[in-house]
Amino acid sequence: MNRLKSSVLLLAAVLALRFAAQAQTADHPAHKGAEEPYAELEALIAQRQYARAEQMVGRRLATGDDPAATYFHIGKSYFDHDEWQRSAGFLEKSLKFKGLNDQAHQLLGLDWRKLHRPDDAEAAFGGGKGKSG
């Protein structure tokens, strides 16, 4: 029963995060423009062209893009495509640059849960608690 409850809570959290991200983009046209540079990155990940996506991240960082935002976006894209381990790695990198990112902490916690690492999940969920980013 605990396992079912945990799965239902995990599903609810994932759906809430995806809905919140979509609502934020729809409500804020200026934010929509900020997402466009990541559309190609998202497309590469959707096509499972991970090496090319990660090369693109390297190029973006080399040209001065914000590392926290860039790592967050690739981590979130991997998360959206159920690539938990890849997602976790990039979300951790993002948090090293900007630790006050609630959404990164939440996604990382969900990654760790999917990877059967409950202690890491709880630490990630607690890391963003009450902080804004």
Foldseek 3Di string as FASTA:
>chain_A
DVVVVVVVVLVVLVVVLVVVVVVVCVVDVVVVVVCVVCPVLLVCVVVVVVVVSVVVLVVCVVVPDDLLVSLQSNLVSCLVVVVLVSSLVSLVRSCVRPVQDQSSLQSNLSSCVVVVNNVSSVVSNVSNPPGHD
